[in-house]
Amino acid sequence: MVKITFVEFDGSETEVQAKPGLSLMKNAVASNVPGVLAECGGNCACGTCRIYFDPEWAGLMPPPRDSETEMLDYWEEQGDGVRLSCQVPVVEEMEGMVLRLPESQS
């Protein structure tokens, strides 16, 4: 298991013991992380599982597919450090990662 901390917009933290191979979103939903709404169930169709990460973790993120980029554009969330958690699988090297959540998912 991999320890990942999700930080809500108000600063509340939820620590998750995430299972490698599952998406960040599936791990967050299974652990009842507030602020990861995941309304589409991980189909890259709603953008309600957005996360922000520090640049030091960028190398662990797979490149976004076009559908993810389009969804982030819809939410006006372009640039480095933002992803849909449904599109990022957990890997062992994510141990200790801290992810922030947007206000719109509060």
PDB file of N, CA and C in Angstrom:
ATOM      1  N   MET A   1       0.843  -1.184   0.000  1.00  0.00           N
ATOM      2  CA  MET A   1       0.000   0.000   0.000  1.00  0.00           C
ATOM      3  C   MET A   1       0.889   1.249   0.000  1.00  0.00           C
ATOM      4  N   VAL A   2       0.339   2.314  -0.530  1.00  0.00           N
ATOM      5  CA  VAL A   2       1.077   3.562  -0.712  1.00  0.00           C
ATOM      6  C   VAL A   2       0.327   4.680   0.006  1.00  0.00           C
ATOM      7  N   LYS A   3       1.021   5.398   0.889  1.00  0.00           N
ATOM      8  CA  LYS A   3       0.378   6.492   1.617  1.00  0.00           C
ATOM      9  C   LYS A   3       0.310   7.734   0.742  1.00  0.00           C
ATOM     10  N   ILE A   4      -0.933   8.214   0.522  1.00  0.00           N
ATOM     11  CA  ILE A   4      -1.182   9.428  -0.248  1.00  0.00           C
ATOM     12  C   ILE A   4      -2.141  10.290   0.565  1.00  0.00           C
ATOM     13  N   THR A   5      -1.856  11.585   0.643  1.00  0.00           N
ATOM     14  CA  THR A   5      -2.693  12.503   1.404  1.00  0.00           C
ATOM     15  C   THR A   5      -3.433  13.424   0.455  1.00  0.00           C
ATOM     16  N   PHE A   6      -4.752  13.498   0.632  1.00  0.00           N
ATOM     17  CA  PHE A   6      -5.601  14.405  -0.127  1.00  0.00           C
ATOM     18  C   PHE A   6      -5.950  15.580   0.778  1.00  0.00           C
ATOM     19  N   VAL A   7      -5.765  16.798   0.282  1.00  0.00           N
ATOM     20  CA  VAL A   7      -6.029  18.005   1.060  1.00  0.00           C
ATOM     21  C   VAL A   7      -7.167  18.763   0.396  1.00  0.00           C
ATOM     22  N   GLU A   8      -8.261  18.896   1.124  1.00  0.00           N
ATOM     23  CA  GLU A   8      -9.410  19.647   0.618  1.00  0.00           C
ATOM     24  C   GLU A   8      -9.077  21.138   0.572  1.00  0.00           C
ATOM     25  N   PHE A   9      -9.905  21.893  -0.117  1.00  0.00           N
ATOM     26  CA  PHE A   9      -9.677  23.326  -0.275  1.00  0.00           C
ATOM     27  C   PHE A   9      -9.608  24.041   1.074  1.00  0.00           C
ATOM     28  N   ASP A  10     -10.354  23.547   2.074  1.00  0.00           N
ATOM     29  CA  ASP A  10     -10.349  24.187   3.401  1.00  0.00           C
ATOM     30  C   ASP A  10      -9.168  23.755   4.272  1.00  0.00           C
ATOM     31  N   GLY A  11      -8.308  22.895   3.733  1.00  0.00           N
ATOM     32  CA  GLY A  11      -7.132  22.450   4.466  1.00  0.00           C
ATOM     33  C   GLY A  11      -7.294  21.120   5.182  1.00  0.00           C
ATOM     34  N   SER A  12      -8.499  20.577   5.222  1.00  0.00           N
ATOM     35  CA  SER A  12      -8.719  19.272   5.843  1.00  0.00           C
ATOM     36  C   SER A  12      -7.969  18.205   5.061  1.00  0.00           C
ATOM     37  N   GLU A  13      -7.351  17.278   5.771  1.00  0.00           N
ATOM     38  CA  GLU A  13      -6.558  16.229   5.132  1.00  0.00           C
ATOM     39  C   GLU A  13      -7.165  14.848   5.365  1.00  0.00           C
ATOM     40  N   THR A  14      -7.071  14.014   4.345  1.00  0.00           N
ATOM     41  CA  THR A  14      -7.454  12.613   4.456  1.00  0.00           C
ATOM     42  C   THR A  14      -6.288  11.787   3.934  1.00  0.00           C
ATOM     43  N   GLU A  15      -5.751  10.937   4.787  1.00  0.00           N
ATOM     44  CA  GLU A  15      -4.659  10.056   4.396  1.00  0.00           C
ATOM     45  C   GLU A  15      -5.247   8.735   3.908  1.00  0.00           C
ATOM     46  N   VAL A  16      -4.762   8.277   2.767  1.00  0.00           N
ATOM     47  CA  VAL A  16      -5.266   7.064   2.140  1.00  0.00           C
ATOM     48  C   VAL A  16      -4.125   6.060   2.005  1.00  0.00           C
ATOM     49  N   GLN A  17      -4.414   4.818   2.300  1.00  0.00           N
ATOM     50  CA  GLN A  17      -3.498   3.724   1.990  1.00  0.00           C
ATOM     51  C   GLN A  17      -3.950   3.185   0.634  1.00  0.00           C
ATOM     52  N   ALA A  18      -3.293   3.655  -0.410  1.00  0.00           N
ATOM     53  CA  ALA A  18      -3.724   3.394  -1.779  1.00  0.00           C
ATOM     54  C   ALA A  18      -3.135   2.105  -2.334  1.00  0.00           C
ATOM     55  N   LYS A  19      -3.941   1.413  -3.107  1.00  0.00           N
ATOM     56  CA  LYS A  19      -3.520   0.169  -3.736  1.00  0.00           C
ATOM     57  C   LYS A  19      -2.898   0.474  -5.097  1.00  0.00           C
ATOM     58  N   PRO A  20      -1.632   0.097  -5.291  1.00  0.00           N
ATOM     59  CA  PRO A  20      -0.997   0.296  -6.592  1.00  0.00           C
ATOM     60  C   PRO A  20      -1.786  -0.395  -7.707  1.00  0.00           C
ATOM     61  N   GLY A  21      -1.809   0.247  -8.857  1.00  0.00           N
ATOM     62  CA  GLY A  21      -2.516  -0.289 -10.006  1.00  0.00           C
ATOM     63  C   GLY A  21      -3.899   0.303 -10.178  1.00  0.00           C
ATOM     64  N   LEU A  22      -4.545   0.672  -9.079  1.00  0.00           N
ATOM     65  CA  LEU A  22      -5.836   1.351  -9.162  1.00  0.00           C
ATOM     66  C   LEU A  22      -5.589   2.840  -9.360  1.00  0.00           C
ATOM     67  N   SER A  23      -6.547   3.531  -9.926  1.00  0.00           N
ATOM     68  CA  SER A  23      -6.391   4.974 -10.129  1.00  0.00           C
ATOM     69  C   SER A  23      -6.415   5.708  -8.785  1.00  0.00           C
ATOM     70  N   LEU A  24      -5.862   6.900  -8.785  1.00  0.00           N
ATOM     71  CA  LEU A  24      -5.949   7.756  -7.597  1.00  0.00           C
ATOM     72  C   LEU A  24      -7.403   7.961  -7.215  1.00  0.00           C
ATOM     73  N   MET A  25      -8.283   8.149  -8.215  1.00  0.00           N
ATOM     74  CA  MET A  25      -9.698   8.366  -7.951  1.00  0.00           C
ATOM     75  C   MET A  25     -10.340   7.160  -7.279  1.00  0.00           C
ATOM     76  N   LYS A  26     -10.104   5.963  -7.793  1.00  0.00           N
ATOM     77  CA  LYS A  26     -10.717   4.764  -7.200  1.00  0.00           C
ATOM     78  C   LYS A  26     -10.262   4.584  -5.760  1.00  0.00           C
ATOM     79  N   ASN A  27      -8.987   4.847  -5.497  1.00  0.00           N
ATOM     80  CA  ASN A  27      -8.485   4.760  -4.129  1.00  0.00           C
ATOM     81  C   ASN A  27      -9.138   5.811  -3.242  1.00  0.00           C
ATOM     82  N   ALA A  28      -9.308   7.027  -3.761  1.00  0.00           N
ATOM     83  CA  ALA A  28      -9.927   8.100  -2.977  1.00  0.00           C
ATOM     84  C   ALA A  28     -11.387   7.789  -2.678  1.00  0.00           C
ATOM     85  N   VAL A  29     -12.121   7.318  -3.676  1.00  0.00           N
ATOM     86  CA  VAL A  29     -13.532   6.985  -3.481  1.00  0.00           C
ATOM     87  C   VAL A  29     -13.672   5.834  -2.487  1.00  0.00           C
ATOM     88  N   ALA A  30     -12.835   4.819  -2.610  1.00  0.00           N
ATOM     89  CA  ALA A  30     -12.893   3.678  -1.693  1.00  0.00           C
ATOM     90  C   ALA A  30     -12.600   4.089  -0.257  1.00  0.00           C
ATOM     91  N   SER A  31     -11.850   5.175  -0.094  1.00  0.00           N
ATOM     92  CA  SER A  31     -11.492   5.672   1.241  1.00  0.00           C
ATOM     93  C   SER A  31     -12.367   6.843   1.674  1.00  0.00           C
ATOM     94  N   ASN A  32     -13.422   7.116   0.907  1.00  0.00           N
ATOM     95  CA  ASN A  32     -14.370   8.188   1.235  1.00  0.00           C
ATOM     96  C   ASN A  32     -13.713   9.554   1.395  1.00  0.00           C
ATOM     97  N   VAL A  33     -12.814   9.881   0.486  1.00  0.00           N
ATOM     98  CA  VAL A  33     -12.164  11.185   0.528  1.00  0.00           C
ATOM     99  C   VAL A  33     -13.175  12.253   0.122  1.00  0.00           C
ATOM    100  N   PRO A  34     -13.492  13.195   1.023  1.00  0.00           N
ATOM    101  CA  PRO A  34     -14.380  14.290   0.636  1.00  0.00           C
ATOM    102  C   PRO A  34     -13.697  15.129  -0.446  1.00  0.00           C
ATOM    103  N   GLY A  35     -14.454  15.580  -1.396  1.00  0.00           N
ATOM    104  CA  GLY A  35     -13.885  16.441  -2.426  1.00  0.00           C
ATOM    105  C   GLY A  35     -13.479  15.704  -3.687  1.00  0.00           C
ATOM    106  N   VAL A  36     -13.463  14.382  -3.679  1.00  0.00           N
ATOM    107  CA  VAL A  36     -13.257  13.630  -4.912  1.00  0.00           C
ATOM    108  C   VAL A  36     -14.630  13.078  -5.261  1.00  0.00           C
ATOM    109  N   LEU A  37     -15.378  13.848  -6.063  1.00  0.00           N
ATOM    110  CA  LEU A  37     -16.768  13.532  -6.347  1.00  0.00           C
ATOM    111  C   LEU A  37     -16.915  12.385  -7.343  1.00  0.00           C
ATOM    112  N   ALA A  38     -16.104  12.396  -8.384  1.00  0.00           N
ATOM    113  CA  ALA A  38     -16.065  11.299  -9.361  1.00  0.00           C
ATOM    114  C   ALA A  38     -17.461  10.927  -9.870  1.00  0.00           C
ATOM    115  N   GLU A  39     -18.200  11.920 -10.294  1.00  0.00           N
ATOM    116  CA  GLU A  39     -19.587  11.717 -10.712  1.00  0.00           C
ATOM    117  C   GLU A  39     -19.742  10.763 -11.886  1.00  0.00           C
ATOM    118  N   CYS A  40     -18.739  10.656 -12.757  1.00  0.00           N
ATOM    119  CA  CYS A  40     -18.855   9.767 -13.915  1.00  0.00           C
ATOM    120  C   CYS A  40     -18.256   8.393 -13.646  1.00  0.00           C
ATOM    121  N   GLY A  41     -17.771   8.167 -12.450  1.00  0.00           N
ATOM    122  CA  GLY A  41     -17.233   6.858 -12.093  1.00  0.00           C
ATOM    123  C   GLY A  41     -15.884   6.536 -12.694  1.00  0.00           C
ATOM    124  N   GLY A  42     -15.172   7.536 -13.139  1.00  0.00           N
ATOM    125  CA  GLY A  42     -13.832   7.309 -13.671  1.00  0.00           C
ATOM    126  C   GLY A  42     -13.762   7.185 -15.173  1.00  0.00           C
ATOM    127  N   ASN A  43     -14.756   7.709 -15.864  1.00  0.00           N
ATOM    128  CA  ASN A  43     -14.797   7.607 -17.323  1.00  0.00           C
ATOM    129  C   ASN A  43     -14.264   8.843 -18.043  1.00  0.00           C
ATOM    130  N   CYS A  44     -13.605   9.729 -17.319  1.00  0.00           N
ATOM    131  CA  CYS A  44     -13.003  10.931 -17.920  1.00  0.00           C
ATOM    132  C   CYS A  44     -14.064  11.793 -18.601  1.00  0.00           C
ATOM    133  N   ALA A  45     -15.254  11.864 -17.980  1.00  0.00           N
ATOM    134  CA  ALA A  45     -16.358  12.563 -18.620  1.00  0.00           C
ATOM    135  C   ALA A  45     -16.961  13.682 -17.782  1.00  0.00           C
ATOM    136  N   CYS A  46     -16.427  13.931 -16.570  1.00  0.00           N
ATOM    137  CA  CYS A  46     -17.070  14.961 -15.745  1.00  0.00           C
ATOM    138  C   CYS A  46     -16.083  15.965 -15.141  1.00  0.00           C
ATOM    139  N   GLY A  47     -14.876  15.560 -14.891  1.00  0.00           N
ATOM    140  CA  GLY A  47     -13.883  16.475 -14.322  1.00  0.00           C
ATOM    141  C   GLY A  47     -14.045  16.746 -12.843  1.00  0.00           C
ATOM    142  N   THR A  48     -14.847  15.938 -12.141  1.00  0.00           N
ATOM    143  CA  THR A  48     -15.073  16.172 -10.713  1.00  0.00           C
ATOM    144  C   THR A  48     -14.119  15.380  -9.821  1.00  0.00           C
ATOM    145  N   CYS A  49     -13.001  14.979 -10.392  1.00  0.00           N
ATOM    146  CA  CYS A  49     -11.975  14.287  -9.603  1.00  0.00           C
ATOM    147  C   CYS A  49     -10.616  14.969  -9.808  1.00  0.00           C
ATOM    148  N   ARG A  50     -10.671  16.270 -10.114  1.00  0.00           N
ATOM    149  CA  ARG A  50      -9.430  17.001 -10.380  1.00  0.00           C
ATOM    150  C   ARG A  50      -8.545  17.044  -9.139  1.00  0.00           C
ATOM    151  N   ILE A  51      -7.244  16.975  -9.388  1.00  0.00           N
ATOM    152  CA  ILE A  51      -6.244  17.055  -8.323  1.00  0.00           C
ATOM    153  C   ILE A  51      -5.139  18.002  -8.770  1.00  0.00           C
ATOM    154  N   TYR A  52      -4.487  18.586  -7.780  1.00  0.00           N
ATOM    155  CA  TYR A  52      -3.311  19.415  -8.026  1.00  0.00           C
ATOM    156  C   TYR A  52      -2.136  18.767  -7.316  1.00  0.00           C
ATOM    157  N   PHE A  53      -1.002  18.694  -8.001  1.00  0.00           N
ATOM    158  CA  PHE A  53       0.188  18.090  -7.412  1.00  0.00           C
ATOM    159  C   PHE A  53       1.395  18.997  -7.609  1.00  0.00           C
ATOM    160  N   ASP A  54       2.369  18.838  -6.723  1.00  0.00           N
ATOM    161  CA  ASP A  54       3.595  19.620  -6.813  1.00  0.00           C
ATOM    162  C   ASP A  54       4.470  19.102  -7.953  1.00  0.00           C
ATOM    163  N   PRO A  55       5.270  19.988  -8.556  1.00  0.00           N
ATOM    164  CA  PRO A  55       6.104  19.611  -9.704  1.00  0.00           C
ATOM    165  C   PRO A  55       7.028  18.422  -9.443  1.00  0.00           C
ATOM    166  N   GLU A  56       7.422  18.210  -8.205  1.00  0.00           N
ATOM    167  CA  GLU A  56       8.340  17.106  -7.897  1.00  0.00           C
ATOM    168  C   GLU A  56       7.744  15.740  -8.241  1.00  0.00           C
ATOM    169  N   TRP A  57       6.416  15.648  -8.349  1.00  0.00           N
ATOM    170  CA  TRP A  57       5.742  14.389  -8.643  1.00  0.00           C
ATOM    171  C   TRP A  57       5.431  14.227 -10.128  1.00  0.00           C
ATOM    172  N   ALA A  58       5.713  15.199 -10.935  1.00  0.00           N
ATOM    173  CA  ALA A  58       5.320  15.189 -12.351  1.00  0.00           C
ATOM    174  C   ALA A  58       5.858  13.974 -13.104  1.00  0.00           C
ATOM    175  N   GLY A  59       7.032  13.517 -12.776  1.00  0.00           N
ATOM    176  CA  GLY A  59       7.633  12.380 -13.465  1.00  0.00           C
ATOM    177  C   GLY A  59       6.893  11.073 -13.257  1.00  0.00           C
ATOM    178  N   LEU A  60       6.036  11.017 -12.258  1.00  0.00           N
ATOM    179  CA  LEU A  60       5.266   9.801 -11.985  1.00  0.00           C
ATOM    180  C   LEU A  60       3.905   9.796 -12.683  1.00  0.00           C
ATOM    181  N   MET A  61       3.579  10.895 -13.313  1.00  0.00           N
ATOM    182  CA  MET A  61       2.284  11.017 -13.974  1.00  0.00           C
ATOM    183  C   MET A  61       2.413  10.597 -15.437  1.00  0.00           C
ATOM    184  N   PRO A  62       1.537   9.696 -15.889  1.00  0.00           N
ATOM    185  CA  PRO A  62       1.560   9.362 -17.317  1.00  0.00           C
ATOM    186  C   PRO A  62       1.074  10.564 -18.117  1.00  0.00           C
ATOM    187  N   PRO A  63       1.457  10.652 -19.381  1.00  0.00           N
ATOM    188  CA  PRO A  63       0.973  11.773 -20.185  1.00  0.00           C
ATOM    189  C   PRO A  63      -0.560  11.726 -20.308  1.00  0.00           C
ATOM    190  N   PRO A  64      -1.209  12.877 -20.273  1.00  0.00           N
ATOM    191  CA  PRO A  64      -2.669  12.884 -20.403  1.00  0.00           C
ATOM    192  C   PRO A  64      -3.103  12.522 -21.819  1.00  0.00           C
ATOM    193  N   ARG A  65      -4.209  11.802 -21.906  1.00  0.00           N
ATOM    194  CA  ARG A  65      -4.810  11.507 -23.207  1.00  0.00           C
ATOM    195  C   ARG A  65      -5.592  12.742 -23.655  1.00  0.00           C
ATOM    196  N   ASP A  66      -5.960  12.766 -24.921  1.00  0.00           N
ATOM    197  CA  ASP A  66      -6.707  13.903 -25.466  1.00  0.00           C
ATOM    198  C   ASP A  66      -8.009  14.144 -24.703  1.00  0.00           C
ATOM    199  N   SER A  67      -8.712  13.070 -24.341  1.00  0.00           N
ATOM    200  CA  SER A  67      -9.989  13.227 -23.636  1.00  0.00           C
ATOM    201  C   SER A  67      -9.798  13.903 -22.282  1.00  0.00           C
ATOM    202  N   GLU A  68      -8.698  13.609 -21.610  1.00  0.00           N
ATOM    203  CA  GLU A  68      -8.429  14.260 -20.328  1.00  0.00           C
ATOM    204  C   GLU A  68      -8.091  15.731 -20.540  1.00  0.00           C
ATOM    205  N   THR A  69      -7.273  16.013 -21.516  1.00  0.00           N
ATOM    206  CA  THR A  69      -6.900  17.395 -21.815  1.00  0.00           C
ATOM    207  C   THR A  69      -8.140  18.222 -22.147  1.00  0.00           C
ATOM    208  N   GLU A  70      -9.052  17.643 -22.919  1.00  0.00           N
ATOM    209  CA  GLU A  70     -10.293  18.342 -23.264  1.00  0.00           C
ATOM    210  C   GLU A  70     -11.136  18.623 -22.022  1.00  0.00           C
ATOM    211  N   MET A  71     -11.197  17.661 -21.112  1.00  0.00           N
ATOM    212  CA  MET A  71     -11.986  17.856 -19.889  1.00  0.00           C
ATOM    213  C   MET A  71     -11.343  18.938 -19.013  1.00  0.00           C
ATOM    214  N   LEU A  72     -10.031  18.941 -18.912  1.00  0.00           N
ATOM    215  CA  LEU A  72      -9.348  19.974 -18.127  1.00  0.00           C
ATOM    216  C   LEU A  72      -9.536  21.347 -18.769  1.00  0.00           C
ATOM    217  N   ASP A  73      -9.539  21.394 -20.099  1.00  0.00           N
ATOM    218  CA  ASP A  73      -9.809  22.653 -20.804  1.00  0.00           C
ATOM    219  C   ASP A  73     -11.218  23.151 -20.482  1.00  0.00           C
ATOM    220  N   TYR A  74     -12.176  22.239 -20.449  1.00  0.00           N
ATOM    221  CA  TYR A  74     -13.556  22.604 -20.125  1.00  0.00           C
ATOM    222  C   TYR A  74     -13.622  23.294 -18.763  1.00  0.00           C
ATOM    223  N   TRP A  75     -12.872  22.772 -17.797  1.00  0.00           N
ATOM    224  CA  TRP A  75     -12.848  23.344 -16.443  1.00  0.00           C
ATOM    225  C   TRP A  75     -11.880  24.522 -16.338  1.00  0.00           C
ATOM    226  N   GLU A  76     -11.277  24.886 -17.479  1.00  0.00           N
ATOM    227  CA  GLU A  76     -10.282  25.964 -17.518  1.00  0.00           C
ATOM    228  C   GLU A  76      -9.138  25.675 -16.555  1.00  0.00           C
ATOM    229  N   GLU A  77      -8.679  24.439 -16.587  1.00  0.00           N
ATOM    230  CA  GLU A  77      -7.593  23.956 -15.732  1.00  0.00           C
ATOM    231  C   GLU A  77      -6.458  23.469 -16.624  1.00  0.00           C
ATOM    232  N   GLN A  78      -5.729  24.376 -17.212  1.00  0.00           N
ATOM    233  CA  GLN A  78      -4.620  23.995 -18.062  1.00  0.00           C
ATOM    234  C   GLN A  78      -3.313  24.105 -17.300  1.00  0.00           C
ATOM    235  N   GLY A  79      -2.297  23.429 -17.808  1.00  0.00           N
ATOM    236  CA  GLY A  79      -0.957  23.593 -17.272  1.00  0.00           C
ATOM    237  C   GLY A  79      -0.480  22.426 -16.444  1.00  0.00           C
ATOM    238  N   ASP A  80       0.759  22.563 -16.022  1.00  0.00           N
ATOM    239  CA  ASP A  80       1.378  21.527 -15.208  1.00  0.00           C
ATOM    240  C   ASP A  80       0.758  21.518 -13.821  1.00  0.00           C
ATOM    241  N   GLY A  81       0.708  20.348 -13.238  1.00  0.00           N
ATOM    242  CA  GLY A  81       0.264  20.239 -11.858  1.00  0.00           C
ATOM    243  C   GLY A  81      -1.210  19.996 -11.663  1.00  0.00           C
ATOM    244  N   VAL A  82      -1.959  19.772 -12.736  1.00  0.00           N
ATOM    245  CA  VAL A  82      -3.375  19.442 -12.593  1.00  0.00           C
ATOM    246  C   VAL A  82      -3.686  18.233 -13.462  1.00  0.00           C
ATOM    247  N   ARG A  83      -4.424  17.305 -12.897  1.00  0.00           N
ATOM    248  CA  ARG A  83      -4.825  16.086 -13.615  1.00  0.00           C
ATOM    249  C   ARG A  83      -6.195  15.649 -13.144  1.00  0.00           C
ATOM    250  N   LEU A  84      -6.778  14.719 -13.873  1.00  0.00           N
ATOM    251  CA  LEU A  84      -7.966  14.020 -13.416  1.00  0.00           C
ATOM    252  C   LEU A  84      -7.461  12.776 -12.693  1.00  0.00           C
ATOM    253  N   SER A  85      -7.867  12.612 -11.452  1.00  0.00           N
ATOM    254  CA  SER A  85      -7.345  11.490 -10.674  1.00  0.00           C
ATOM    255  C   SER A  85      -7.799  10.137 -11.231  1.00  0.00           C
ATOM    256  N   CYS A  86      -8.859  10.124 -12.025  1.00  0.00           N
ATOM    257  CA  CYS A  86      -9.312   8.863 -12.628  1.00  0.00           C
ATOM    258  C   CYS A  86      -8.366   8.374 -13.715  1.00  0.00           C
ATOM    259  N   GLN A  87      -7.474   9.232 -14.171  1.00  0.00           N
ATOM    260  CA  GLN A  87      -6.574   8.892 -15.267  1.00  0.00           C
ATOM    261  C   GLN A  87      -5.148   8.595 -14.813  1.00  0.00           C
ATOM    262  N   VAL A  88      -4.927   8.581 -13.491  1.00  0.00           N
ATOM    263  CA  VAL A  88      -3.572   8.389 -12.966  1.00  0.00           C
ATOM    264  C   VAL A  88      -3.536   7.150 -12.073  1.00  0.00           C
ATOM    265  N   PRO A  89      -2.844   6.101 -12.527  1.00  0.00           N
ATOM    266  CA  PRO A  89      -2.731   4.916 -11.683  1.00  0.00           C
ATOM    267  C   PRO A  89      -1.711   5.142 -10.564  1.00  0.00           C
ATOM    268  N   VAL A  90      -1.981   4.550  -9.430  1.00  0.00           N
ATOM    269  CA  VAL A  90      -1.060   4.632  -8.297  1.00  0.00           C
ATOM    270  C   VAL A  90       0.123   3.711  -8.555  1.00  0.00           C
ATOM    271  N   VAL A  91       1.321   4.218  -8.281  1.00  0.00           N
ATOM    272  CA  VAL A  91       2.548   3.425  -8.335  1.00  0.00           C
ATOM    273  C   VAL A  91       3.260   3.561  -6.992  1.00  0.00           C
ATOM    274  N   GLU A  92       4.085   2.583  -6.665  1.00  0.00           N
ATOM    275  CA  GLU A  92       4.785   2.546  -5.372  1.00  0.00           C
ATOM    276  C   GLU A  92       5.557   3.837  -5.096  1.00  0.00           C
ATOM    277  N   GLU A  93       6.112   4.439  -6.141  1.00  0.00           N
ATOM    278  CA  GLU A  93       6.929   5.643  -5.984  1.00  0.00           C
ATOM    279  C   GLU A  93       6.132   6.863  -5.529  1.00  0.00           C
ATOM    280  N   MET A  94       4.814   6.752  -5.472  1.00  0.00           N
ATOM    281  CA  MET A  94       3.977   7.853  -5.006  1.00  0.00           C
ATOM    282  C   MET A  94       3.894   7.925  -3.484  1.00  0.00           C
ATOM    283  N   GLU A  95       4.588   7.066  -2.788  1.00  0.00           N
ATOM    284  CA  GLU A  95       4.594   7.067  -1.321  1.00  0.00           C
ATOM    285  C   GLU A  95       4.861   8.476  -0.797  1.00  0.00           C
ATOM    286  N   GLY A  96       3.944   8.975   0.032  1.00  0.00           N
ATOM    287  CA  GLY A  96       4.100  10.296   0.629  1.00  0.00           C
ATOM    288  C   GLY A  96       3.547  11.444  -0.199  1.00  0.00           C
ATOM    289  N   MET A  97       2.991  11.161  -1.347  1.00  0.00           N
ATOM    290  CA  MET A  97       2.456  12.214  -2.219  1.00  0.00           C
ATOM    291  C   MET A  97       1.323  12.974  -1.523  1.00  0.00           C
ATOM    292  N   VAL A  98       1.303  14.275  -1.744  1.00  0.00           N
ATOM    293  CA  VAL A  98       0.232  15.131  -1.236  1.00  0.00           C
ATOM    294  C   VAL A  98      -0.469  15.744  -2.443  1.00  0.00           C
ATOM    295  N   LEU A  99      -1.786  15.587  -2.481  1.00  0.00           N
ATOM    296  CA  LEU A  99      -2.605  16.117  -3.565  1.00  0.00           C
ATOM    297  C   LEU A  99      -3.599  17.104  -2.996  1.00  0.00           C
ATOM    298  N   ARG A 100      -3.763  18.233  -3.681  1.00  0.00           N
ATOM    299  CA  ARG A 100      -4.730  19.231  -3.253  1.00  0.00           C
ATOM    300  C   ARG A 100      -5.957  19.150  -4.177  1.00  0.00           C
ATOM    301  N   LEU A 101      -7.098  19.524  -3.622  1.00  0.00           N
ATOM    302  CA  LEU A 101      -8.359  19.469  -4.355  1.00  0.00           C
ATOM    303  C   LEU A 101      -8.896  20.878  -4.570  1.00  0.00           C
ATOM    304  N   PRO A 102      -9.575  21.118  -5.695  1.00  0.00           N
ATOM    305  CA  PRO A 102     -10.088  22.462  -5.982  1.00  0.00           C
ATOM    306  C   PRO A 102     -11.310  22.824  -5.135  1.00  0.00           C
ATOM    307  N   GLU A 103     -11.531  24.109  -4.997  1.00  0.00           N
ATOM    308  CA  GLU A 103     -12.684  24.609  -4.230  1.00  0.00           C
ATOM    309  C   GLU A 103     -14.000  24.112  -4.811  1.00  0.00           C
ATOM    310  N   SER A 104     -14.075  23.997  -6.131  1.00  0.00           N
ATOM    311  CA  SER A 104     -15.324  23.576  -6.768  1.00  0.00           C
ATOM    312  C   SER A 104     -15.734  22.153  -6.420  1.00  0.00           C
ATOM    313  N   GLN A 105     -14.851  21.390  -5.800  1.00  0.00           N
ATOM    314  CA  GLN A 105     -15.162  20.022  -5.392  1.00  0.00           C
ATOM    315  C   GLN A 105     -15.367  19.934  -3.886  1.00  0.00           C
ATOM    316  N   SER A 106     -15.593  21.082  -3.252  1.00  0.00           N
ATOM    317  CA  SER A 106     -15.795  21.107  -1.799  1.00  0.00           C
ATOM    318  C   SER A 106     -17.185  20.645  -1.438  1.00  0.00           C
TER     319      SER A 106
END
